[in-house]
Amino acid sequence: MGVIAAVTALIEGVFPNVAGTSDVDPEADFRVVTGQPADVDVSCLQVNAFGFGGQDSSLALRPATGASSS
């Protein structure tokens, strides 16, 4: 799901809100999108996934060279 959200953000310039989240820890040192999706202007994104037993992964995404968003 994270990769789908990242690809959508790269193509459409919109990042989905975090469902069910309304109170964000004031010490969070990053933006948490709540309420409504947010417009974003990004050229690359990183998606992290963490699993049990140390099965972790990270994927960096950017549009293909010469790709068009239309």
PDB file of N, CA and C in Angstrom:
ATOM      1  N   MET A   1       0.820  -1.186   0.000  1.00  0.00           N
ATOM      2  CA  MET A   1       0.000   0.000   0.000  1.00  0.00           C
ATOM      3  C   MET A   1       0.867   1.255   0.000  1.00  0.00           C
ATOM      4  N   GLY A   2       1.988   1.199   0.682  1.00  0.00           N
ATOM      5  CA  GLY A   2       2.877   2.357   0.710  1.00  0.00           C
ATOM      6  C   GLY A   2       3.429   2.694  -0.662  1.00  0.00           C
ATOM      7  N   VAL A   3       3.764   1.677  -1.437  1.00  0.00           N
ATOM      8  CA  VAL A   3       4.279   1.910  -2.792  1.00  0.00           C
ATOM      9  C   VAL A   3       3.182   2.505  -3.670  1.00  0.00           C
ATOM     10  N   ILE A   4       1.957   2.031  -3.541  1.00  0.00           N
ATOM     11  CA  ILE A   4       0.838   2.589  -4.306  1.00  0.00           C
ATOM     12  C   ILE A   4       0.647   4.062  -3.967  1.00  0.00           C
ATOM     13  N   ALA A   5       0.689   4.398  -2.675  1.00  0.00           N
ATOM     14  CA  ALA A   5       0.551   5.798  -2.253  1.00  0.00           C
ATOM     15  C   ALA A   5       1.693   6.639  -2.811  1.00  0.00           C
ATOM     16  N   ALA A   6       2.913   6.112  -2.811  1.00  0.00           N
ATOM     17  CA  ALA A   6       4.064   6.858  -3.315  1.00  0.00           C
ATOM     18  C   ALA A   6       3.968   7.086  -4.813  1.00  0.00           C
ATOM     19  N   VAL A   7       3.610   6.063  -5.564  1.00  0.00           N
ATOM     20  CA  VAL A   7       3.475   6.205  -7.017  1.00  0.00           C
ATOM     21  C   VAL A   7       2.364   7.207  -7.342  1.00  0.00           C
ATOM     22  N   THR A   8       1.261   7.140  -6.626  1.00  0.00           N
ATOM     23  CA  THR A   8       0.174   8.103  -6.824  1.00  0.00           C
ATOM     24  C   THR A   8       0.652   9.522  -6.550  1.00  0.00           C
ATOM     25  N   ALA A   9       1.423   9.706  -5.492  1.00  0.00           N
ATOM     26  CA  ALA A   9       1.952  11.030  -5.168  1.00  0.00           C
ATOM     27  C   ALA A   9       2.876  11.538  -6.271  1.00  0.00           C
ATOM     28  N   LEU A  10       3.709  10.668  -6.810  1.00  0.00           N
ATOM     29  CA  LEU A  10       4.614  11.070  -7.885  1.00  0.00           C
ATOM     30  C   LEU A  10       3.854  11.444  -9.152  1.00  0.00           C
ATOM     31  N   ILE A  11       2.803  10.690  -9.484  1.00  0.00           N
ATOM     32  CA  ILE A  11       2.062  10.913 -10.729  1.00  0.00           C
ATOM     33  C   ILE A  11       1.045  12.043 -10.598  1.00  0.00           C
ATOM     34  N   GLU A  12       0.268  12.028  -9.511  1.00  0.00           N
ATOM     35  CA  GLU A  12      -0.847  12.960  -9.383  1.00  0.00           C
ATOM     36  C   GLU A  12      -0.559  14.154  -8.472  1.00  0.00           C
ATOM     37  N   GLY A  13       0.526  14.102  -7.708  1.00  0.00           N
ATOM     38  CA  GLY A  13       0.851  15.206  -6.821  1.00  0.00           C
ATOM     39  C   GLY A  13      -0.046  15.296  -5.599  1.00  0.00           C
ATOM     40  N   VAL A  14      -0.614  14.163  -5.186  1.00  0.00           N
ATOM     41  CA  VAL A  14      -1.503  14.123  -4.016  1.00  0.00           C
ATOM     42  C   VAL A  14      -1.079  12.966  -3.126  1.00  0.00           C
ATOM     43  N   PHE A  15      -0.951  13.240  -1.827  1.00  0.00           N
ATOM     44  CA  PHE A  15      -0.583  12.204  -0.872  1.00  0.00           C
ATOM     45  C   PHE A  15      -1.772  11.951   0.044  1.00  0.00           C
ATOM     46  N   PRO A  16      -2.175  10.687   0.254  1.00  0.00           N
ATOM     47  CA  PRO A  16      -3.365  10.403   1.055  1.00  0.00           C
ATOM     48  C   PRO A  16      -3.163  10.697   2.537  1.00  0.00           C
ATOM     49  N   ASN A  17      -4.260  11.023   3.185  1.00  0.00           N
ATOM     50  CA  ASN A  17      -4.208  11.237   4.634  1.00  0.00           C
ATOM     51  C   ASN A  17      -4.130   9.896   5.362  1.00  0.00           C
ATOM     52  N   VAL A  18      -3.647   9.941   6.603  1.00  0.00           N
ATOM     53  CA  VAL A  18      -3.554   8.752   7.440  1.00  0.00           C
ATOM     54  C   VAL A  18      -4.932   8.513   8.051  1.00  0.00           C
ATOM     55  N   ALA A  19      -5.576   7.429   7.675  1.00  0.00           N
ATOM     56  CA  ALA A  19      -6.934   7.148   8.144  1.00  0.00           C
ATOM     57  C   ALA A  19      -6.958   6.918   9.643  1.00  0.00           C
ATOM     58  N   GLY A  20      -7.931   7.513  10.309  1.00  0.00           N
ATOM     59  CA  GLY A  20      -8.128   7.276  11.731  1.00  0.00           C
ATOM     60  C   GLY A  20      -7.189   8.050  12.635  1.00  0.00           C
ATOM     61  N   THR A  21      -6.356   8.923  12.077  1.00  0.00           N
ATOM     62  CA  THR A  21      -5.428   9.691  12.899  1.00  0.00           C
ATOM     63  C   THR A  21      -5.900  11.136  12.979  1.00  0.00           C
ATOM     64  N   SER A  22      -6.050  11.626  14.213  1.00  0.00           N
ATOM     65  CA  SER A  22      -6.415  13.033  14.390  1.00  0.00           C
ATOM     66  C   SER A  22      -5.461  13.742  15.341  1.00  0.00           C
ATOM     67  N   ASP A  23      -4.886  13.014  16.292  1.00  0.00           N
ATOM     68  CA  ASP A  23      -3.948  13.603  17.245  1.00  0.00           C
ATOM     69  C   ASP A  23      -2.530  13.156  16.904  1.00  0.00           C
ATOM     70  N   VAL A  24      -1.699  14.122  16.546  1.00  0.00           N
ATOM     71  CA  VAL A  24      -0.315  13.838  16.169  1.00  0.00           C
ATOM     72  C   VAL A  24       0.595  14.265  17.314  1.00  0.00           C
ATOM     73  N   ASP A  25       1.531  13.425  17.666  1.00  0.00           N
ATOM     74  CA  ASP A  25       2.503  13.737  18.715  1.00  0.00           C
ATOM     75  C   ASP A  25       3.239  15.018  18.335  1.00  0.00           C
ATOM     76  N   PRO A  26       3.217  16.028  19.177  1.00  0.00           N
ATOM     77  CA  PRO A  26       3.877  17.286  18.845  1.00  0.00           C
ATOM     78  C   PRO A  26       5.390  17.157  18.666  1.00  0.00           C
ATOM     79  N   GLU A  27       5.969  16.073  19.130  1.00  0.00           N
ATOM     80  CA  GLU A  27       7.409  15.864  18.962  1.00  0.00           C
ATOM     81  C   GLU A  27       7.753  15.153  17.652  1.00  0.00           C
ATOM     82  N   ALA A  28       6.731  14.796  16.858  1.00  0.00           N
ATOM     83  CA  ALA A  28       6.994  14.162  15.563  1.00  0.00           C
ATOM     84  C   ALA A  28       7.748  15.149  14.685  1.00  0.00           C
ATOM     85  N   ASP A  29       8.887  14.722  14.162  1.00  0.00           N
ATOM     86  CA  ASP A  29       9.745  15.600  13.377  1.00  0.00           C
ATOM     87  C   ASP A  29       9.514  15.387  11.879  1.00  0.00           C
ATOM     88  N   PHE A  30       8.257  15.187  11.506  1.00  0.00           N
ATOM     89  CA  PHE A  30       7.882  14.991  10.112  1.00  0.00           C
ATOM     90  C   PHE A  30       6.403  15.328   9.970  1.00  0.00           C
ATOM     91  N   ARG A  31       5.963  15.571   8.768  1.00  0.00           N
ATOM     92  CA  ARG A  31       4.567  15.920   8.516  1.00  0.00           C
ATOM     93  C   ARG A  31       3.710  14.663   8.501  1.00  0.00           C
ATOM     94  N   VAL A  32       2.616  14.680   9.227  1.00  0.00           N
ATOM     95  CA  VAL A  32       1.634  13.612   9.207  1.00  0.00           C
ATOM     96  C   VAL A  32       0.376  14.186   8.556  1.00  0.00           C
ATOM     97  N   VAL A  33      -0.038  13.624   7.446  1.00  0.00           N
ATOM     98  CA  VAL A  33      -1.195  14.136   6.708  1.00  0.00           C
ATOM     99  C   VAL A  33      -2.460  13.600   7.357  1.00  0.00           C
ATOM    100  N   THR A  34      -3.250  14.504   7.943  1.00  0.00           N
ATOM    101  CA  THR A  34      -4.499  14.128   8.602  1.00  0.00           C
ATOM    102  C   THR A  34      -5.658  14.856   7.944  1.00  0.00           C
ATOM    103  N   GLY A  35      -6.861  14.339   8.150  1.00  0.00           N
ATOM    104  CA  GLY A  35      -8.067  15.000   7.651  1.00  0.00           C
ATOM    105  C   GLY A  35      -8.317  14.781   6.172  1.00  0.00           C
ATOM    106  N   GLN A  36      -7.610  15.501   5.338  1.00  0.00           N
ATOM    107  CA  GLN A  36      -7.782  15.448   3.885  1.00  0.00           C
ATOM    108  C   GLN A  36      -6.451  15.127   3.214  1.00  0.00           C
ATOM    109  N   PRO A  37      -6.487  14.557   2.006  1.00  0.00           N
ATOM    110  CA  PRO A  37      -5.236  14.360   1.271  1.00  0.00           C
ATOM    111  C   PRO A  37      -4.529  15.699   1.071  1.00  0.00           C
ATOM    112  N   ALA A  38      -3.216  15.656   0.908  1.00  0.00           N
ATOM    113  CA  ALA A  38      -2.421  16.869   0.765  1.00  0.00           C
ATOM    114  C   ALA A  38      -1.781  16.937  -0.619  1.00  0.00           C
ATOM    115  N   ASP A  39      -1.755  18.130  -1.174  1.00  0.00           N
ATOM    116  CA  ASP A  39      -1.032  18.340  -2.422  1.00  0.00           C
ATOM    117  C   ASP A  39       0.458  18.328  -2.121  1.00  0.00           C
ATOM    118  N   VAL A  40       1.230  17.647  -2.948  1.00  0.00           N
ATOM    119  CA  VAL A  40       2.677  17.573  -2.767  1.00  0.00           C
ATOM    120  C   VAL A  40       3.379  17.796  -4.102  1.00  0.00           C
ATOM    121  N   ASP A  41       4.576  18.311  -4.034  1.00  0.00           N
ATOM    122  CA  ASP A  41       5.418  18.487  -5.210  1.00  0.00           C
ATOM    123  C   ASP A  41       6.736  17.784  -4.898  1.00  0.00           C
ATOM    124  N   VAL A  42       6.831  16.532  -5.296  1.00  0.00           N
ATOM    125  CA  VAL A  42       8.003  15.723  -4.973  1.00  0.00           C
ATOM    126  C   VAL A  42       8.595  15.121  -6.243  1.00  0.00           C
ATOM    127  N   SER A  43       9.916  14.904  -6.217  1.00  0.00           N
ATOM    128  CA  SER A  43      10.576  14.286  -7.362  1.00  0.00           C
ATOM    129  C   SER A  43      11.057  12.873  -7.034  1.00  0.00           C
ATOM    130  N   CYS A  44      11.068  12.524  -5.733  1.00  0.00           N
ATOM    131  CA  CYS A  44      11.411  11.169  -5.329  1.00  0.00           C
ATOM    132  C   CYS A  44      10.820  10.914  -3.944  1.00  0.00           C
ATOM    133  N   LEU A  45      10.574   9.664  -3.649  1.00  0.00           N
ATOM    134  CA  LEU A  45      10.004   9.254  -2.371  1.00  0.00           C
ATOM    135  C   LEU A  45      10.658   7.974  -1.904  1.00  0.00           C
ATOM    136  N   GLN A  46      10.688   7.783  -0.587  1.00  0.00           N
ATOM    137  CA  GLN A  46      11.194   6.551   0.009  1.00  0.00           C
ATOM    138  C   GLN A  46      10.060   5.880   0.761  1.00  0.00           C
ATOM    139  N   VAL A  47       9.908   4.578   0.552  1.00  0.00           N
ATOM    140  CA  VAL A  47       8.890   3.787   1.237  1.00  0.00           C
ATOM    141  C   VAL A  47       9.610   2.745   2.086  1.00  0.00           C
ATOM    142  N   ASN A  48       9.287   2.695   3.373  1.00  0.00           N
ATOM    143  CA  ASN A  48       9.896   1.730   4.286  1.00  0.00           C
ATOM    144  C   ASN A  48       8.850   0.711   4.728  1.00  0.00           C
ATOM    145  N   ALA A  49       9.272  -0.514   4.916  1.00  0.00           N
ATOM    146  CA  ALA A  49       8.396  -1.573   5.425  1.00  0.00           C
ATOM    147  C   ALA A  49       9.172  -2.366   6.466  1.00  0.00           C
ATOM    148  N   PHE A  50       8.516  -2.616   7.585  1.00  0.00           N
ATOM    149  CA  PHE A  50       9.160  -3.324   8.685  1.00  0.00           C
ATOM    150  C   PHE A  50       8.330  -4.544   9.055  1.00  0.00           C
ATOM    151  N   GLY A  51       8.986  -5.698   9.194  1.00  0.00           N
ATOM    152  CA  GLY A  51       8.284  -6.921   9.530  1.00  0.00           C
ATOM    153  C   GLY A  51       8.894  -7.596  10.730  1.00  0.00           C
ATOM    154  N   PHE A  52       8.257  -8.664  11.145  1.00  0.00           N
ATOM    155  CA  PHE A  52       8.757  -9.427  12.282  1.00  0.00           C
ATOM    156  C   PHE A  52      10.037 -10.167  11.899  1.00  0.00           C
ATOM    157  N   GLY A  53      10.926 -10.337  12.846  1.00  0.00           N
ATOM    158  CA  GLY A  53      12.143 -11.105  12.613  1.00  0.00           C
ATOM    159  C   GLY A  53      13.177 -10.376  11.783  1.00  0.00           C
ATOM    160  N   GLY A  54      13.086  -9.047  11.698  1.00  0.00           N
ATOM    161  CA  GLY A  54      14.089  -8.289  10.964  1.00  0.00           C
ATOM    162  C   GLY A  54      13.901  -8.279   9.463  1.00  0.00           C
ATOM    163  N   GLN A  55      12.712  -8.614   8.987  1.00  0.00           N
ATOM    164  CA  GLN A  55      12.449  -8.582   7.550  1.00  0.00           C
ATOM    165  C   GLN A  55      12.021  -7.163   7.175  1.00  0.00           C
ATOM    166  N   ASP A  56      13.017  -6.318   6.966  1.00  0.00           N
ATOM    167  CA  ASP A  56      12.786  -4.908   6.688  1.00  0.00           C
ATOM    168  C   ASP A  56      13.215  -4.598   5.261  1.00  0.00           C
ATOM    169  N   SER A  57      12.568  -3.592   4.676  1.00  0.00           N
ATOM    170  CA  SER A  57      12.956  -3.188   3.331  1.00  0.00           C
ATOM    171  C   SER A  57      12.735  -1.696   3.156  1.00  0.00           C
ATOM    172  N   SER A  58      13.423  -1.138   2.185  1.00  0.00           N
ATOM    173  CA  SER A  58      13.291   0.269   1.841  1.00  0.00           C
ATOM    174  C   SER A  58      13.374   0.379   0.328  1.00  0.00           C
ATOM    175  N   LEU A  59      12.493   1.189  -0.247  1.00  0.00           N
ATOM    176  CA  LEU A  59      12.438   1.340  -1.694  1.00  0.00           C
ATOM    177  C   LEU A  59      12.403   2.826  -2.017  1.00  0.00           C
ATOM    178  N   ALA A  60      13.321   3.288  -2.867  1.00  0.00           N
ATOM    179  CA  ALA A  60      13.334   4.681  -3.314  1.00  0.00           C
ATOM    180  C   ALA A  60      12.710   4.723  -4.698  1.00  0.00           C
ATOM    181  N   LEU A  61      11.792   5.659  -4.903  1.00  0.00           N
ATOM    182  CA  LEU A  61      11.076   5.763  -6.175  1.00  0.00           C
ATOM    183  C   LEU A  61      11.224   7.152  -6.755  1.00  0.00           C
ATOM    184  N   ARG A  62      11.325   7.226  -8.077  1.00  0.00           N
ATOM    185  CA  ARG A  62      11.280   8.487  -8.789  1.00  0.00           C
ATOM    186  C   ARG A  62      10.724   8.193 -10.172  1.00  0.00           C
ATOM    187  N   PRO A  63      10.169   9.194 -10.845  1.00  0.00           N
ATOM    188  CA  PRO A  63       9.643   8.958 -12.193  1.00  0.00           C
ATOM    189  C   PRO A  63      10.768   8.544 -13.146  1.00  0.00           C
ATOM    190  N   ALA A  64      10.416   7.766 -14.139  1.00  0.00           N
ATOM    191  CA  ALA A  64      11.391   7.383 -15.152  1.00  0.00           C
ATOM    192  C   ALA A  64      11.833   8.618 -15.921  1.00  0.00           C
ATOM    193  N   THR A  65      13.072   8.630 -16.373  1.00  0.00           N
ATOM    194  CA  THR A  65      13.584   9.753 -17.163  1.00  0.00           C
ATOM    195  C   THR A  65      12.739   9.911 -18.415  1.00  0.00           C
ATOM    196  N   GLY A  66      12.286  11.124 -18.621  1.00  0.00           N
ATOM    197  CA  GLY A  66      11.465  11.394 -19.805  1.00  0.00           C
ATOM    198  C   GLY A  66      10.002  11.052 -19.624  1.00  0.00           C
ATOM    199  N   ALA A  67       9.606  10.602 -18.425  1.00  0.00           N
ATOM    200  CA  ALA A  67       8.220  10.243 -18.178  1.00  0.00           C
ATOM    201  C   ALA A  67       7.364  11.494 -18.130  1.00  0.00           C
ATOM    202  N   SER A  68       6.148  11.359 -18.560  1.00  0.00           N
ATOM    203  CA  SER A  68       5.197  12.473 -18.529  1.00  0.00           C
ATOM    204  C   SER A  68       4.097  12.176 -17.538  1.00  0.00           C
ATOM    205  N   SER A  69       3.643  13.205 -16.820  1.00  0.00           N
ATOM    206  CA  SER A  69       2.583  13.005 -15.845  1.00  0.00           C
ATOM    207  C   SER A  69       1.209  13.178 -16.451  1.00  0.00           C
ATOM    208  N   SER A  70       1.130  13.351 -17.771  1.00  0.00           N
ATOM    209  CA  SER A  70      -0.180  13.530 -18.405  1.00  0.00           C
ATOM    210  C   SER A  70      -0.650  12.271 -19.078  1.00  0.00           C
TER     211      SER A  70
END
